[in-house]
C-alpha atoms as a PDB file:
ATOM      1  CA  MET A   1     -74.778  40.893  89.496  1.00  0.00           C
ATOM      2  CA  ALA A   2     -76.634  39.899  92.966  1.00  0.00           C
ATOM      3  CA  LEU A   3     -75.101  39.689  96.244  1.00  0.00           C
ATOM      4  CA  ASN A   4     -74.745  36.220  97.061  1.00  0.00           C
ATOM      5  CA  LYS A   5     -72.937  36.436 100.138  1.00  0.00           C
ATOM      6  CA  TRP A   6     -71.888  38.882 102.508  1.00  0.00           C
ATOM      7  CA  GLY A   7     -70.368  38.715 106.273  1.00  0.00           C
ATOM      8  CA  PHE A   8     -71.308  40.819 109.445  1.00  0.00           C
ATOM      9  CA  VAL A   9     -68.822  40.899 112.272  1.00  0.00           C
ATOM     10  CA  TYR A  10     -69.956  41.663 115.572  1.00  0.00           C
ATOM     11  CA  THR A  11     -68.155  41.429 119.466  1.00  0.00           C
ATOM     12  CA  LEU A  12     -69.262  39.075 121.875  1.00  0.00           C
ATOM     13  CA  GLY A  13     -69.348  39.413 125.581  1.00  0.00           C
ATOM     14  CA  GLY A  14     -66.266  39.982 127.807  1.00  0.00           C
ATOM     15  CA  ASP A  15     -66.188  36.000 128.820  1.00  0.00           C
ATOM     16  CA  SER A  16     -66.068  34.913 125.157  1.00  0.00           C
ATOM     17  CA  GLU A  17     -62.417  33.279 124.641  1.00  0.00           C
ATOM     18  CA  ALA A  18     -63.195  32.165 120.587  1.00  0.00           C
ATOM     19  CA  ALA A  19     -64.863  33.181 118.038  1.00  0.00           C
ATOM     20  CA  ARG A  20     -68.371  32.603 117.016  1.00  0.00           C
ATOM     21  CA  ARG A  21     -69.600  31.867 113.258  1.00  0.00           C
ATOM     22  CA  ASP A  22     -73.320  31.591 112.147  1.00  0.00           C
ATOM     23  CA  GLU A  23     -74.669  31.251 108.438  1.00  0.00           C
ATOM     24  CA  ILE A  24     -78.540  32.419 107.692  1.00  0.00           C
ATOM     25  CA  GLY A  25     -80.521  33.332 104.391  1.00  0.00           C
ATOM     26  CA  SER A  26     -81.504  31.374 101.603  1.00  0.00           C
ATOM     27  CA  ASP A  27     -79.907  29.660  98.311  1.00  0.00           C
ATOM     28  CA  ALA A  28     -80.026  33.139  96.483  1.00  0.00           C
ATOM     29  CA  CYS A  29     -78.313  35.204  99.514  1.00  0.00           C
ATOM     30  CA  ARG A  30     -75.844  34.266 102.583  1.00  0.00           C
ATOM     31  CA  LEU A  31     -75.083  36.088 105.575  1.00  0.00           C
ATOM     32  CA  VAL A  32     -72.154  34.863 107.457  1.00  0.00           C
ATOM     33  CA  ALA A  33     -72.217  36.431 111.131  1.00  0.00           C
ATOM     34  CA  VAL A  34     -68.911  36.051 112.943  1.00  0.00           C
ATOM     35  CA  GLY A  35     -68.755  37.131 116.548  1.00  0.00           C
ATOM     36  CA  VAL A  36     -65.134  37.768 117.795  1.00  0.00           C
ATOM     37  CA  PRO A  37     -63.782  38.050 121.358  1.00  0.00           C
ATOM     38  CA  ASP A  38     -62.608  41.752 120.853  1.00  0.00           C
ATOM     39  CA  VAL A  39     -61.700  43.900 117.936  1.00  0.00           C
ATOM     40  CA  SER A  40     -58.506  42.951 117.342  1.00  0.00           C
ATOM     41  CA  HIS A  41     -59.385  40.124 115.542  1.00  0.00           C
ATOM     42  CA  ALA A  42     -61.005  42.180 112.603  1.00  0.00           C
ATOM     43  CA  ALA A  43     -58.378  42.113 110.014  1.00  0.00           C
ATOM     44  CA  ARG A  44     -58.079  38.089 110.394  1.00  0.00           C
ATOM     45  CA  VAL A  45     -61.797  37.485 110.264  1.00  0.00           C
ATOM     46  CA  ALA A  46     -62.345  39.849 107.544  1.00  0.00           C
ATOM     47  CA  ILE A  47     -59.563  38.098 105.235  1.00  0.00           C
ATOM     48  CA  ASP A  48     -61.330  34.866 106.206  1.00  0.00           C
ATOM     49  CA  LEU A  49     -64.754  36.072 105.156  1.00  0.00           C
ATOM     50  CA  ALA A  50     -63.422  36.999 101.553  1.00  0.00           C
ATOM     51  CA  ASN A  51     -61.296  34.057 101.104  1.00  0.00           C
ATOM     52  CA  ASP A  52     -64.732  32.244 101.699  1.00  0.00           C
ATOM     53  CA  GLY A  53     -66.815  34.247  98.927  1.00  0.00           C
ATOM     54  CA  CYS A  54     -68.027  37.008 100.848  1.00  0.00           C
ATOM     55  CA  GLU A  55     -68.721  39.719  98.327  1.00  0.00           C
ATOM     56  CA  LEU A  56     -68.406  42.663 101.296  1.00  0.00           C
ATOM     57  CA  VAL A  57     -68.122  42.601 104.866  1.00  0.00           C
ATOM     58  CA  GLU A  58     -69.802  44.847 107.426  1.00  0.00           C
ATOM     59  CA  PHE A  59     -68.752  45.603 111.280  1.00  0.00           C
ATOM     60  CA  CYS A  60     -70.712  46.576 114.040  1.00  0.00           C
ATOM     61  CA  GLY A  61     -70.175  49.828 115.711  1.00  0.00           C
ATOM     62  CA  ALA A  62     -67.686  48.856 118.511  1.00  0.00           C
ATOM     63  CA  PHE A  63     -64.895  48.577 115.928  1.00  0.00           C
ATOM     64  CA  GLY A  64     -63.111  51.874 116.017  1.00  0.00           C
ATOM     65  CA  ALA A  65     -60.978  53.796 113.440  1.00  0.00           C
ATOM     66  CA  GLY A  66     -58.076  51.735 114.133  1.00  0.00           C
ATOM     67  CA  PRO A  67     -59.224  48.215 113.393  1.00  0.00           C
ATOM     68  CA  MET A  68     -61.478  49.141 110.574  1.00  0.00           C
ATOM     69  CA  ALA A  69     -58.008  51.009 108.839  1.00  0.00           C
ATOM     70  CA  GLU A  70     -56.312  47.394 108.870  1.00  0.00           C
ATOM     71  CA  VAL A  71     -59.663  45.585 107.512  1.00  0.00           C
ATOM     72  CA  ILE A  72     -59.761  48.129 104.577  1.00  0.00           C
ATOM     73  CA  ALA A  73     -55.932  47.972 104.124  1.00  0.00           C
ATOM     74  CA  ALA A  74     -56.221  44.189 104.226  1.00  0.00           C
ATOM     75  CA  LEU A  75     -59.387  43.791 101.950  1.00  0.00           C
ATOM     76  CA  GLU A  76     -58.429  46.194  99.216  1.00  0.00           C
ATOM     77  CA  PRO A  77     -56.209  43.983  97.456  1.00  0.00           C
ATOM     78  CA  LEU A  78     -59.184  41.590  97.351  1.00  0.00           C
ATOM     79  CA  GLY A  79     -61.502  43.861  96.061  1.00  0.00           C
ATOM     80  CA  VAL A  80     -64.117  43.540  98.667  1.00  0.00           C
ATOM     81  CA  PRO A  81     -65.955  46.676 100.186  1.00  0.00           C
ATOM     82  CA  VAL A  82     -65.960  46.972 103.859  1.00  0.00           C
ATOM     83  CA  GLY A  83     -68.735  48.757 105.733  1.00  0.00           C
ATOM     84  CA  THR A  84     -69.594  49.852 109.369  1.00  0.00           C
ATOM     85  CA  VAL A  85     -72.464  50.407 111.463  1.00  0.00           C
ATOM     86  CA  SER A  86     -72.806  53.776 112.598  1.00  0.00           C
ATOM     87  CA  TYR A  87     -75.449  55.704 115.037  1.00  0.00           C
ATOM     88  CA  GLY A  88     -77.016  59.257 114.488  1.00  0.00           C
ATOM     89  CA  GLY A  89     -77.011  62.018 117.291  1.00  0.00           C
ATOM     90  CA  ASP A  90     -80.445  60.824 118.025  1.00  0.00           C
ATOM     91  CA  ALA A  91     -79.715  57.390 119.279  1.00  0.00           C
ATOM     92  CA  THR A  92     -77.050  58.989 122.047  1.00  0.00           C
ATOM     93  CA  SER A  93     -79.406  58.564 124.913  1.00  0.00           C
ATOM     94  CA  GLY A  94     -80.083  54.968 123.917  1.00  0.00           C
ATOM     95  CA  LEU A  95     -76.839  54.112 123.399  1.00  0.00           C
ATOM     96  CA  HIS A  96     -76.232  55.097 127.029  1.00  0.00           C
ATOM     97  CA  GLN A  97     -78.692  53.224 128.277  1.00  0.00           C
ATOM     98  CA  ILE A  98     -77.373  50.039 127.020  1.00  0.00           C
ATOM     99  CA  PHE A  99     -73.381  50.753 127.527  1.00  0.00           C
ATOM    100  CA  GLY A 100     -73.573  53.008 130.106  1.00  0.00           C
END
């Protein structure tokens, strides 16, 4: 079975009050990217993506263990895998330059 549709959730800037949804890709495989104002929206957005046909959902590195535990619990009954972006120790100096 090939991946046909997947979701990626990221955080928007601090001035954003509403989520943003964009789709890119081809007829063979679509990416649904959803930006959220803050990490508290994680589980709700993940459920929406699963209900919209996303076969897996990934999250940017801004989502910590608490929000991810809620997402995993919400998507487990739906059989949708959840992943997160992580950075190795070699990325530390670059991350500090970006985020302070």
